[in-house]
């Protein structure tokens, strides 16, 4: 009976050891990524003014508008609290950080404090493609803004971004769940792919 009661405790201890091992393995993956800033959860709350302005919400969590100390506007993706998957989180951060393409969102930093995880991206002033596709409250203005050439360039940019993720970077990043909500537009309506929540990241070997 005593040994039976100990088994759940042993499993919990082994799970904790595995989680800590994944954490330190993940830390090693982040080392050397000088351009990537690690923020505390306090930093995240400060830059979003305690999560004041929500930009959207998805299965991964919520997205907020924020501002860095130097005045740069950012997008903060606050991920849902998940148990485990520590190594996967660090692997995703390291892989996305290494991407460099005009049609892929620019990751500036991240936060990891126990169950609190967040990703910090450069702000895209024109928001998501979703609002232009599904918000038809001002059809005439949208039709004037989105000419056939503009729509073609946006479609081409999305295709270029996906091609880069699939075959252009040092890891295969297969998105699997691309939606208009995942495409943000910069000041010149250049599309950038964000949200890698369901992406599969695989080594090329």
N, C-alpha and C. Protein backbone atom coordinates (compact mmCIF):
# COMPACT_ATOMS: atom_id res chain seq x y z
N UNK A 1 0.84 -1.21 0.00
CA UNK A 1 0.00 0.00 0.00
C UNK A 1 0.87 1.25 0.00
N UNK A 2 1.94 1.23 0.76
CA UNK A 2 2.82 2.39 0.86
C UNK A 2 3.49 2.68 -0.48
N UNK A 3 3.97 1.61 -1.14
CA UNK A 3 4.62 1.80 -2.43
C UNK A 3 3.63 2.30 -3.47
N UNK A 4 2.36 1.85 -3.36
CA UNK A 4 1.33 2.31 -4.29
C UNK A 4 1.10 3.81 -4.17
N UNK A 5 1.10 4.31 -2.93
CA UNK A 5 0.89 5.74 -2.70
C UNK A 5 2.07 6.56 -3.18
N UNK A 6 3.25 5.95 -3.17
CA UNK A 6 4.45 6.69 -3.57
C UNK A 6 4.53 6.90 -5.08
N UNK A 7 3.88 6.02 -5.85
CA UNK A 7 4.01 6.08 -7.30
C UNK A 7 3.57 7.42 -7.89
N UNK A 8 2.39 7.96 -7.49
CA UNK A 8 2.00 9.27 -8.03
C UNK A 8 3.02 10.36 -7.69
N UNK A 9 3.57 10.31 -6.48
CA UNK A 9 4.55 11.30 -6.07
C UNK A 9 5.82 11.18 -6.91
N UNK A 10 6.25 9.95 -7.17
CA UNK A 10 7.45 9.73 -7.99
C UNK A 10 7.23 10.27 -9.40
N UNK A 11 6.02 10.02 -9.94
CA UNK A 11 5.71 10.52 -11.29
C UNK A 11 5.75 12.03 -11.33
N UNK A 12 5.22 12.67 -10.27
CA UNK A 12 5.24 14.14 -10.22
C UNK A 12 6.66 14.66 -10.15
N UNK A 13 7.50 14.00 -9.36
CA UNK A 13 8.90 14.42 -9.24
C UNK A 13 9.62 14.27 -10.57
N UNK A 14 9.38 13.13 -11.25
CA UNK A 14 10.02 12.89 -12.55
C UNK A 14 9.56 13.92 -13.58
N UNK A 15 8.26 14.27 -13.52
CA UNK A 15 7.73 15.27 -14.45
C UNK A 15 8.36 16.63 -14.20
N UNK A 16 8.57 16.95 -12.91
CA UNK A 16 9.19 18.22 -12.55
C UNK A 16 10.64 18.27 -13.03
N UNK A 17 11.36 17.15 -12.85
CA UNK A 17 12.75 17.07 -13.31
C UNK A 17 12.82 17.25 -14.82
N UNK A 18 11.90 16.61 -15.54
CA UNK A 18 11.86 16.73 -17.00
C UNK A 18 11.59 18.17 -17.42
N UNK A 19 10.63 18.81 -16.71
CA UNK A 19 10.29 20.19 -17.04
C UNK A 19 11.48 21.12 -16.82
N UNK A 20 12.20 20.92 -15.71
CA UNK A 20 13.37 21.76 -15.44
C UNK A 20 14.46 21.52 -16.48
N UNK A 21 14.61 20.25 -16.89
CA UNK A 21 15.60 19.93 -17.92
C UNK A 21 15.26 20.62 -19.23
N UNK A 22 13.96 20.60 -19.61
CA UNK A 22 13.52 21.27 -20.83
C UNK A 22 13.75 22.77 -20.73
N UNK A 23 13.54 23.30 -19.52
CA UNK A 23 13.73 24.74 -19.32
C UNK A 23 15.18 25.13 -19.61
N UNK A 24 16.13 24.39 -19.01
CA UNK A 24 17.54 24.74 -19.21
C UNK A 24 17.99 24.46 -20.64
N UNK A 25 17.44 23.41 -21.27
CA UNK A 25 17.75 23.16 -22.67
C UNK A 25 17.25 24.32 -23.52
N UNK A 26 16.06 24.82 -23.16
CA UNK A 26 15.50 25.96 -23.89
C UNK A 26 16.33 27.21 -23.69
N UNK A 27 16.82 27.41 -22.48
CA UNK A 27 17.67 28.56 -22.20
C UNK A 27 18.91 28.54 -23.09
N UNK A 28 19.47 27.34 -23.29
CA UNK A 28 20.66 27.23 -24.14
C UNK A 28 20.35 27.61 -25.58
N UNK A 29 19.12 27.29 -26.04
CA UNK A 29 18.73 27.64 -27.41
C UNK A 29 18.65 29.15 -27.58
N UNK A 30 18.28 29.86 -26.49
CA UNK A 30 18.12 31.31 -26.56
C UNK A 30 19.47 32.01 -26.50
N UNK A 31 20.46 31.39 -25.83
CA UNK A 31 21.77 32.01 -25.68
C UNK A 31 22.37 32.34 -27.05
N UNK A 32 22.95 33.50 -27.15
CA UNK A 32 23.57 33.90 -28.41
C UNK A 32 22.65 34.68 -29.32
N UNK A 33 21.35 34.73 -29.00
CA UNK A 33 20.43 35.52 -29.81
C UNK A 33 20.42 36.95 -29.27
N UNK A 34 21.48 37.69 -29.58
CA UNK A 34 21.71 39.01 -28.99
C UNK A 34 20.59 39.98 -29.32
N UNK A 35 19.99 39.85 -30.51
CA UNK A 35 18.98 40.81 -30.94
C UNK A 35 17.66 40.62 -30.21
N UNK A 36 17.50 39.51 -29.51
CA UNK A 36 16.23 39.20 -28.87
C UNK A 36 16.28 39.58 -27.40
N UNK A 37 15.32 40.38 -26.97
CA UNK A 37 15.26 40.87 -25.60
C UNK A 37 14.33 39.99 -24.77
N UNK A 38 14.76 39.66 -23.57
CA UNK A 38 13.91 38.92 -22.65
C UNK A 38 13.31 39.91 -21.65
N UNK A 39 11.99 39.94 -21.58
CA UNK A 39 11.28 40.86 -20.70
C UNK A 39 10.73 40.11 -19.49
N UNK A 40 10.60 40.82 -18.39
CA UNK A 40 9.91 40.28 -17.23
C UNK A 40 8.41 40.50 -17.41
N UNK A 41 7.62 39.79 -16.62
CA UNK A 41 6.17 40.00 -16.69
C UNK A 41 5.81 41.42 -16.26
N UNK A 42 6.60 41.97 -15.35
CA UNK A 42 6.40 43.36 -14.93
C UNK A 42 6.62 44.30 -16.11
N UNK A 43 7.63 44.01 -16.93
CA UNK A 43 7.88 44.81 -18.14
C UNK A 43 6.68 44.74 -19.08
N UNK A 44 6.13 43.54 -19.24
CA UNK A 44 4.98 43.34 -20.15
C UNK A 44 3.79 44.15 -19.67
N UNK A 45 3.53 44.14 -18.37
CA UNK A 45 2.41 44.92 -17.83
C UNK A 45 2.64 46.41 -18.02
N UNK A 46 3.89 46.84 -17.85
CA UNK A 46 4.20 48.26 -17.99
C UNK A 46 4.02 48.71 -19.44
N UNK A 47 4.54 47.94 -20.39
CA UNK A 47 4.48 48.38 -21.79
C UNK A 47 3.05 48.35 -22.34
N UNK A 48 2.18 47.52 -21.77
CA UNK A 48 0.78 47.47 -22.22
C UNK A 48 -0.15 48.30 -21.34
N UNK A 49 0.43 49.02 -20.38
CA UNK A 49 -0.38 49.80 -19.43
C UNK A 49 -1.42 48.89 -18.77
N UNK A 50 -0.92 47.78 -18.23
CA UNK A 50 -1.75 46.76 -17.57
C UNK A 50 -2.80 46.19 -18.53
N UNK A 51 -2.37 45.92 -19.76
CA UNK A 51 -3.21 45.28 -20.77
C UNK A 51 -4.46 46.11 -21.08
N UNK A 52 -4.23 47.39 -21.29
CA UNK A 52 -5.32 48.35 -21.47
C UNK A 52 -6.01 48.23 -22.82
N UNK A 53 -5.23 48.10 -23.90
CA UNK A 53 -5.81 48.13 -25.25
C UNK A 53 -5.68 46.77 -25.93
N UNK A 54 -6.78 46.04 -25.94
CA UNK A 54 -6.78 44.71 -26.58
C UNK A 54 -7.02 44.87 -28.08
N UNK A 55 -6.18 44.19 -28.87
CA UNK A 55 -6.30 44.26 -30.32
C UNK A 55 -7.01 43.04 -30.90
N UNK A 56 -6.99 41.95 -30.17
CA UNK A 56 -7.63 40.74 -30.68
C UNK A 56 -7.47 39.58 -29.71
N UNK A 57 -8.11 38.48 -30.07
CA UNK A 57 -8.08 37.30 -29.22
C UNK A 57 -8.22 36.06 -30.08
N UNK A 58 -7.49 35.00 -29.74
CA UNK A 58 -7.56 33.75 -30.48
C UNK A 58 -7.38 32.58 -29.55
N UNK A 59 -7.24 31.39 -30.14
CA UNK A 59 -7.09 30.19 -29.33
C UNK A 59 -5.81 30.18 -28.53
N UNK A 60 -4.81 30.94 -28.98
CA UNK A 60 -3.50 30.99 -28.31
C UNK A 60 -3.51 31.92 -27.11
N UNK A 61 -4.44 32.90 -27.07
CA UNK A 61 -4.45 33.92 -26.02
C UNK A 61 -4.93 35.25 -26.55
N UNK A 62 -4.43 36.35 -25.99
CA UNK A 62 -4.87 37.69 -26.36
C UNK A 62 -3.70 38.53 -26.88
N UNK A 63 -4.04 39.52 -27.71
CA UNK A 63 -3.05 40.43 -28.28
C UNK A 63 -3.34 41.85 -27.82
N UNK A 64 -2.30 42.55 -27.36
CA UNK A 64 -2.45 43.91 -26.85
C UNK A 64 -1.48 44.87 -27.53
N UNK A 65 -1.90 46.12 -27.57
CA UNK A 65 -1.01 47.16 -28.07
C UNK A 65 -0.13 47.64 -26.92
N UNK A 66 1.14 47.89 -27.21
CA UNK A 66 2.06 48.33 -26.17
C UNK A 66 3.05 49.35 -26.68
N UNK A 67 3.84 49.86 -25.76
CA UNK A 67 4.87 50.85 -26.12
C UNK A 67 6.11 50.60 -25.28
N UNK A 68 7.27 50.53 -25.96
CA UNK A 68 8.54 50.37 -25.26
C UNK A 68 8.98 51.70 -24.65
N UNK A 69 10.00 51.65 -23.81
CA UNK A 69 10.47 52.86 -23.14
C UNK A 69 10.99 53.91 -24.12
N UNK A 70 11.48 53.45 -25.29
CA UNK A 70 11.98 54.41 -26.28
C UNK A 70 10.88 54.97 -27.16
N UNK A 71 9.63 54.59 -26.87
CA UNK A 71 8.49 55.11 -27.63
C UNK A 71 8.04 54.23 -28.78
N UNK A 72 8.78 53.17 -29.08
CA UNK A 72 8.39 52.28 -30.18
C UNK A 72 7.12 51.52 -29.83
N UNK A 73 6.16 51.52 -30.76
CA UNK A 73 4.92 50.78 -30.56
C UNK A 73 5.15 49.30 -30.86
N UNK A 74 4.52 48.45 -30.07
CA UNK A 74 4.69 47.00 -30.23
C UNK A 74 3.34 46.29 -30.10
N UNK A 75 3.34 45.05 -30.52
CA UNK A 75 2.21 44.15 -30.32
C UNK A 75 2.65 43.08 -29.32
N UNK A 76 1.89 42.91 -28.26
CA UNK A 76 2.22 41.92 -27.23
C UNK A 76 1.20 40.79 -27.28
N UNK A 77 1.68 39.60 -27.56
CA UNK A 77 0.81 38.42 -27.60
C UNK A 77 0.98 37.68 -26.28
N UNK A 78 -0.04 37.76 -25.43
CA UNK A 78 -0.02 37.09 -24.13
C UNK A 78 -0.61 35.70 -24.30
N UNK A 79 0.22 34.68 -24.16
CA UNK A 79 -0.20 33.31 -24.41
C UNK A 79 -0.96 32.74 -23.23
N UNK A 80 -1.86 31.82 -23.52
CA UNK A 80 -2.62 31.16 -22.47
C UNK A 80 -1.69 30.37 -21.56
N UNK A 81 -2.11 30.23 -20.31
CA UNK A 81 -1.31 29.47 -19.36
C UNK A 81 -1.39 27.99 -19.70
N UNK A 82 -0.25 27.40 -19.98
CA UNK A 82 -0.18 25.99 -20.33
C UNK A 82 0.82 25.28 -19.44
N UNK A 83 0.52 24.08 -19.07
CA UNK A 83 1.46 23.28 -18.29
C UNK A 83 2.41 22.56 -19.25
N UNK A 84 3.66 22.52 -18.89
CA UNK A 84 4.63 21.81 -19.71
C UNK A 84 4.97 22.55 -20.98
N UNK A 85 5.47 21.79 -21.98
CA UNK A 85 5.84 22.34 -23.29
C UNK A 85 6.85 23.47 -23.17
N UNK A 86 7.67 23.45 -22.13
CA UNK A 86 8.66 24.51 -21.94
C UNK A 86 9.67 24.50 -23.07
N UNK A 87 10.17 23.29 -23.37
CA UNK A 87 11.16 23.17 -24.44
C UNK A 87 10.60 23.62 -25.77
N UNK A 88 9.32 23.29 -26.05
CA UNK A 88 8.70 23.69 -27.31
C UNK A 88 8.58 25.20 -27.41
N UNK A 89 8.28 25.86 -26.28
CA UNK A 89 8.16 27.32 -26.29
C UNK A 89 9.49 27.96 -26.65
N UNK A 90 10.57 27.52 -26.00
CA UNK A 90 11.88 28.09 -26.29
C UNK A 90 12.33 27.78 -27.71
N UNK A 91 11.99 26.57 -28.20
CA UNK A 91 12.35 26.21 -29.57
C UNK A 91 11.64 27.13 -30.56
N UNK A 92 10.37 27.42 -30.28
CA UNK A 92 9.61 28.31 -31.15
C UNK A 92 10.20 29.72 -31.14
N UNK A 93 10.53 30.22 -29.94
CA UNK A 93 11.11 31.56 -29.83
C UNK A 93 12.42 31.65 -30.60
N UNK A 94 13.29 30.65 -30.40
CA UNK A 94 14.59 30.67 -31.06
C UNK A 94 14.45 30.59 -32.57
N UNK A 95 13.51 29.78 -33.05
CA UNK A 95 13.34 29.61 -34.50
C UNK A 95 12.75 30.85 -35.14
N UNK A 96 11.73 31.44 -34.51
CA UNK A 96 11.11 32.64 -35.07
C UNK A 96 12.10 33.79 -35.07
N UNK A 97 12.94 33.84 -34.02
CA UNK A 97 13.93 34.91 -33.94
C UNK A 97 14.89 34.86 -35.12
N UNK A 98 15.18 33.67 -35.60
CA UNK A 98 16.14 33.52 -36.70
C UNK A 98 15.53 33.81 -38.06
N UNK A 99 14.21 33.97 -38.14
CA UNK A 99 13.60 34.28 -39.43
C UNK A 99 13.91 35.71 -39.82
N UNK A 100 14.12 35.92 -41.10
CA UNK A 100 14.42 37.26 -41.61
C UNK A 100 13.83 37.38 -43.00
N UNK A 101 12.60 37.89 -43.04
CA UNK A 101 11.91 38.03 -44.31
C UNK A 101 10.94 39.20 -44.21
N UNK A 102 10.80 39.94 -45.28
CA UNK A 102 9.96 41.13 -45.28
C UNK A 102 8.50 40.79 -45.03
N UNK A 103 8.09 39.55 -45.26
CA UNK A 103 6.69 39.15 -45.10
C UNK A 103 6.45 38.28 -43.87
N UNK A 104 7.40 38.28 -42.93
CA UNK A 104 7.23 37.56 -41.67
C UNK A 104 7.41 38.55 -40.52
N UNK A 105 6.52 38.49 -39.54
CA UNK A 105 6.55 39.42 -38.42
C UNK A 105 7.89 39.43 -37.70
N UNK A 106 8.30 40.61 -37.27
CA UNK A 106 9.59 40.79 -36.60
C UNK A 106 9.44 40.62 -35.09
N UNK A 107 9.98 39.51 -34.58
CA UNK A 107 9.93 39.25 -33.14
C UNK A 107 11.01 40.05 -32.44
N UNK A 108 10.60 40.90 -31.48
CA UNK A 108 11.54 41.76 -30.76
C UNK A 108 11.99 41.16 -29.44
N UNK A 109 11.11 40.39 -28.80
CA UNK A 109 11.45 39.84 -27.50
C UNK A 109 10.39 38.90 -26.99
N UNK A 110 10.59 38.39 -25.79
CA UNK A 110 9.66 37.43 -25.20
C UNK A 110 9.69 37.54 -23.69
N UNK A 111 8.69 36.94 -23.07
CA UNK A 111 8.63 36.85 -21.60
C UNK A 111 8.34 35.40 -21.23
N UNK A 112 9.08 34.91 -20.25
CA UNK A 112 8.82 33.57 -19.73
C UNK A 112 9.07 33.59 -18.23
N UNK A 113 8.00 33.56 -17.47
CA UNK A 113 8.09 33.49 -16.01
C UNK A 113 7.09 32.45 -15.53
N UNK A 114 7.58 31.24 -15.30
CA UNK A 114 6.74 30.12 -14.89
C UNK A 114 5.62 29.93 -15.92
N UNK A 115 4.36 30.15 -15.54
CA UNK A 115 3.25 29.93 -16.48
C UNK A 115 2.95 31.15 -17.35
N UNK A 116 3.64 32.27 -17.11
CA UNK A 116 3.38 33.50 -17.87
C UNK A 116 4.33 33.56 -19.07
N UNK A 117 3.73 33.59 -20.26
CA UNK A 117 4.52 33.62 -21.49
C UNK A 117 3.95 34.66 -22.44
N UNK A 118 4.83 35.40 -23.07
CA UNK A 118 4.39 36.44 -24.00
C UNK A 118 5.43 36.62 -25.10
N UNK A 119 4.96 37.06 -26.26
CA UNK A 119 5.83 37.38 -27.39
C UNK A 119 5.62 38.84 -27.75
N UNK A 120 6.70 39.55 -28.04
CA UNK A 120 6.63 40.98 -28.35
C UNK A 120 7.08 41.19 -29.80
N UNK A 121 6.17 41.75 -30.61
CA UNK A 121 6.44 41.98 -32.03
C UNK A 121 6.39 43.47 -32.33
N UNK A 122 7.00 43.84 -33.46
CA UNK A 122 6.88 45.21 -33.95
C UNK A 122 5.42 45.49 -34.30
N UNK A 123 4.95 46.69 -34.03
CA UNK A 123 3.55 47.07 -34.25
C UNK A 123 3.28 47.30 -35.73
N UNK A 124 2.13 46.82 -36.19
CA UNK A 124 1.70 47.03 -37.57
C UNK A 124 0.51 47.99 -37.57
N UNK A 125 0.70 49.24 -38.05
CA UNK A 125 -0.32 50.28 -37.91
C UNK A 125 -1.64 50.01 -38.60
N UNK A 126 -1.66 49.20 -39.66
CA UNK A 126 -2.91 48.95 -40.37
C UNK A 126 -3.64 47.70 -39.89
N UNK A 127 -3.15 47.10 -38.82
CA UNK A 127 -3.87 45.99 -38.22
C UNK A 127 -3.91 44.74 -39.08
N UNK A 128 -4.90 43.90 -38.80
CA UNK A 128 -4.99 42.61 -39.49
C UNK A 128 -5.75 42.72 -40.80
N UNK A 129 -5.44 41.81 -41.69
CA UNK A 129 -6.15 41.74 -42.97
C UNK A 129 -7.62 41.39 -42.75
N UNK A 130 -7.90 40.73 -41.65
CA UNK A 130 -9.26 40.28 -41.35
C UNK A 130 -10.26 41.44 -41.34
N UNK A 131 -9.87 42.56 -40.73
CA UNK A 131 -10.82 43.66 -40.60
C UNK A 131 -11.17 44.27 -41.95
N UNK A 132 -10.25 44.18 -42.91
CA UNK A 132 -10.54 44.72 -44.24
C UNK A 132 -11.39 43.76 -45.07
N UNK A 133 -11.28 42.48 -44.79
CA UNK A 133 -12.04 41.49 -45.56
C UNK A 133 -13.48 41.38 -45.05
N UNK A 134 -13.65 41.35 -43.73
CA UNK A 134 -14.96 41.07 -43.16
C UNK A 134 -15.71 42.31 -42.68
N UNK A 135 -15.03 43.43 -42.51
CA UNK A 135 -15.71 44.66 -42.11
C UNK A 135 -16.08 45.45 -43.35
N UNK A 136 -17.32 45.33 -43.78
CA UNK A 136 -17.78 45.99 -45.00
C UNK A 136 -18.67 47.19 -44.68
N UNK A 137 -18.45 47.84 -43.55
CA UNK A 137 -19.28 48.98 -43.15
C UNK A 137 -19.09 50.17 -44.07
N UNK A 138 -17.88 50.30 -44.66
CA UNK A 138 -17.63 51.39 -45.60
C UNK A 138 -17.05 50.78 -46.88
N UNK A 139 -17.93 50.18 -47.66
CA UNK A 139 -17.50 49.42 -48.83
C UNK A 139 -16.79 50.28 -49.86
N UNK A 140 -17.31 51.50 -50.09
CA UNK A 140 -16.72 52.37 -51.11
C UNK A 140 -15.28 52.72 -50.77
N UNK A 141 -15.03 53.11 -49.51
CA UNK A 141 -13.68 53.48 -49.07
C UNK A 141 -12.73 52.29 -49.19
N UNK A 142 -13.20 51.10 -48.79
CA UNK A 142 -12.36 49.91 -48.87
C UNK A 142 -12.04 49.55 -50.31
N UNK A 143 -13.03 49.69 -51.19
CA UNK A 143 -12.80 49.37 -52.60
C UNK A 143 -11.81 50.33 -53.23
N UNK A 144 -11.84 51.60 -52.79
CA UNK A 144 -10.87 52.57 -53.31
C UNK A 144 -9.47 52.29 -52.77
N UNK A 145 -9.41 51.86 -51.53
CA UNK A 145 -8.12 51.58 -50.90
C UNK A 145 -7.50 50.30 -51.45
N UNK A 146 -8.32 49.25 -51.54
CA UNK A 146 -7.83 47.95 -51.99
C UNK A 146 -8.13 47.76 -53.47
N UNK A 147 -7.27 48.31 -54.28
CA UNK A 147 -7.37 48.12 -55.72
C UNK A 147 -6.95 46.69 -56.06
N UNK A 148 -7.18 46.30 -57.30
CA UNK A 148 -6.78 44.96 -57.73
C UNK A 148 -5.27 44.76 -57.56
N UNK A 149 -4.51 45.83 -57.83
CA UNK A 149 -3.05 45.72 -57.69
C UNK A 149 -2.65 45.55 -56.23
N UNK A 150 -3.32 46.29 -55.32
CA UNK A 150 -3.02 46.17 -53.89
C UNK A 150 -3.32 44.76 -53.39
N UNK A 151 -4.49 44.24 -53.77
CA UNK A 151 -4.86 42.89 -53.37
C UNK A 151 -3.88 41.85 -53.91
N UNK A 152 -3.44 42.08 -55.14
CA UNK A 152 -2.47 41.16 -55.75
C UNK A 152 -1.15 41.18 -54.98
N UNK A 153 -0.68 42.39 -54.63
CA UNK A 153 0.59 42.51 -53.91
C UNK A 153 0.49 41.89 -52.52
N UNK A 154 -0.67 42.04 -51.86
CA UNK A 154 -0.86 41.43 -50.55
C UNK A 154 -0.84 39.90 -50.67
N UNK A 155 -1.56 39.37 -51.66
CA UNK A 155 -1.58 37.92 -51.88
C UNK A 155 -0.19 37.39 -52.19
N UNK A 156 0.53 38.12 -53.03
CA UNK A 156 1.89 37.71 -53.40
C UNK A 156 2.82 37.73 -52.18
N UNK A 157 2.66 38.77 -51.33
CA UNK A 157 3.49 38.87 -50.13
C UNK A 157 3.25 37.72 -49.17
N UNK A 158 1.97 37.34 -49.00
CA UNK A 158 1.64 36.21 -48.12
C UNK A 158 2.26 34.92 -48.66
N UNK A 159 2.17 34.73 -49.98
CA UNK A 159 2.76 33.54 -50.60
C UNK A 159 4.28 33.52 -50.41
N UNK A 160 4.92 34.68 -50.56
CA UNK A 160 6.37 34.76 -50.36
C UNK A 160 6.74 34.43 -48.92
N UNK A 161 5.93 34.93 -47.97
CA UNK A 161 6.20 34.65 -46.56
C UNK A 161 6.08 33.17 -46.23
N UNK A 162 5.03 32.52 -46.75
CA UNK A 162 4.85 31.09 -46.51
C UNK A 162 5.96 30.28 -47.18
N UNK A 163 6.34 30.69 -48.38
CA UNK A 163 7.43 29.99 -49.07
C UNK A 163 8.72 30.07 -48.26
N UNK A 164 8.98 31.24 -47.68
CA UNK A 164 10.19 31.41 -46.87
C UNK A 164 10.14 30.50 -45.65
N UNK A 165 8.99 30.47 -44.96
CA UNK A 165 8.87 29.64 -43.76
C UNK A 165 9.03 28.16 -44.10
N UNK A 166 8.52 27.76 -45.26
CA UNK A 166 8.55 26.34 -45.62
C UNK A 166 9.92 25.89 -46.14
N UNK A 167 10.58 26.73 -46.94
CA UNK A 167 11.82 26.26 -47.57
C UNK A 167 12.97 27.26 -47.50
N UNK A 168 12.73 28.47 -47.00
CA UNK A 168 13.76 29.49 -47.08
C UNK A 168 14.61 29.68 -45.85
N UNK A 169 14.10 29.33 -44.66
CA UNK A 169 14.88 29.56 -43.44
C UNK A 169 15.55 28.27 -42.98
N UNK A 170 16.32 28.37 -41.90
CA UNK A 170 17.13 27.22 -41.48
C UNK A 170 16.31 26.11 -40.84
N UNK A 171 15.04 26.39 -40.51
CA UNK A 171 14.13 25.37 -39.99
C UNK A 171 12.89 25.34 -40.88
N UNK A 172 12.27 24.18 -40.99
CA UNK A 172 10.96 24.11 -41.64
C UNK A 172 9.93 24.60 -40.65
N UNK A 173 9.25 25.68 -40.96
CA UNK A 173 8.17 26.18 -40.12
C UNK A 173 6.88 26.06 -40.93
N UNK A 174 6.10 25.03 -40.63
CA UNK A 174 4.87 24.74 -41.36
C UNK A 174 3.70 25.32 -40.59
N UNK A 175 3.02 26.30 -41.15
CA UNK A 175 2.05 27.09 -40.40
C UNK A 175 0.79 26.29 -40.08
N UNK A 176 0.18 25.63 -41.06
CA UNK A 176 -1.00 24.78 -40.91
C UNK A 176 -2.31 25.52 -40.63
N UNK A 177 -2.27 26.77 -40.22
CA UNK A 177 -3.52 27.43 -39.78
C UNK A 177 -3.54 28.89 -40.21
N UNK A 178 -3.12 29.19 -41.43
CA UNK A 178 -3.05 30.58 -41.87
C UNK A 178 -4.45 31.14 -42.08
N UNK A 179 -4.71 32.30 -41.50
CA UNK A 179 -6.02 32.96 -41.58
C UNK A 179 -5.79 34.45 -41.78
N UNK A 180 -6.80 35.19 -42.26
CA UNK A 180 -6.65 36.65 -42.39
C UNK A 180 -6.25 37.32 -41.09
N UNK A 181 -6.68 36.74 -39.95
CA UNK A 181 -6.33 37.30 -38.64
C UNK A 181 -4.83 37.22 -38.38
N UNK A 182 -4.16 36.26 -39.02
CA UNK A 182 -2.72 36.06 -38.80
C UNK A 182 -1.86 36.95 -39.68
N UNK A 183 -2.48 37.70 -40.59
CA UNK A 183 -1.76 38.58 -41.51
C UNK A 183 -1.93 40.02 -41.06
N UNK A 184 -0.84 40.67 -40.66
CA UNK A 184 -0.89 42.07 -40.27
C UNK A 184 -0.26 42.92 -41.37
N UNK A 185 -0.76 44.15 -41.50
CA UNK A 185 -0.33 45.05 -42.57
C UNK A 185 0.43 46.24 -42.00
N UNK A 186 1.60 46.53 -42.57
CA UNK A 186 2.36 47.68 -42.09
C UNK A 186 1.82 48.97 -42.70
N UNK A 187 2.53 50.07 -42.53
CA UNK A 187 2.04 51.37 -43.00
C UNK A 187 1.84 51.41 -44.51
N UNK A 188 2.56 50.57 -45.23
CA UNK A 188 2.45 50.52 -46.70
C UNK A 188 1.63 49.33 -47.17
N UNK A 189 0.88 48.73 -46.26
CA UNK A 189 0.04 47.57 -46.55
C UNK A 189 0.85 46.37 -47.04
N UNK A 190 2.07 46.29 -46.59
CA UNK A 190 2.89 45.10 -46.85
C UNK A 190 2.49 44.03 -45.83
N UNK A 191 2.07 42.84 -46.27
CA UNK A 191 1.60 41.81 -45.34
C UNK A 191 2.74 41.11 -44.61
N UNK A 192 2.50 40.82 -43.34
CA UNK A 192 3.48 40.09 -42.53
C UNK A 192 2.76 38.99 -41.76
N UNK A 193 3.31 37.80 -41.82
CA UNK A 193 2.70 36.64 -41.17
C UNK A 193 3.06 36.63 -39.69
N UNK A 194 2.02 36.57 -38.86
CA UNK A 194 2.19 36.46 -37.42
C UNK A 194 1.50 35.19 -36.94
N UNK A 195 1.56 34.95 -35.66
CA UNK A 195 0.87 33.84 -35.00
C UNK A 195 1.32 32.48 -35.51
N UNK A 196 2.25 31.88 -34.79
CA UNK A 196 2.75 30.55 -35.13
C UNK A 196 2.21 29.52 -34.14
N UNK A 197 1.01 29.79 -33.60
CA UNK A 197 0.47 28.94 -32.54
C UNK A 197 0.35 27.47 -32.89
N UNK A 198 -0.07 27.15 -34.14
CA UNK A 198 -0.23 25.75 -34.54
C UNK A 198 0.87 25.30 -35.48
N UNK A 199 1.90 26.12 -35.61
CA UNK A 199 2.98 25.79 -36.55
C UNK A 199 3.80 24.60 -36.04
N UNK A 200 4.30 23.82 -36.97
CA UNK A 200 5.21 22.73 -36.66
C UNK A 200 6.61 23.15 -37.09
N UNK A 201 7.54 23.13 -36.16
CA UNK A 201 8.92 23.55 -36.44
C UNK A 201 9.80 22.31 -36.47
N UNK A 202 10.39 22.05 -37.62
CA UNK A 202 11.15 20.81 -37.83
C UNK A 202 12.55 21.13 -38.34
N UNK A 203 13.55 20.41 -37.85
CA UNK A 203 14.90 20.58 -38.41
C UNK A 203 14.96 20.05 -39.83
N UNK A 204 15.90 20.57 -40.61
CA UNK A 204 16.01 20.15 -42.01
C UNK A 204 16.72 18.80 -42.17
N UNK A 205 17.50 18.40 -41.17
CA UNK A 205 18.23 17.15 -41.30
C UNK A 205 17.27 15.97 -41.31
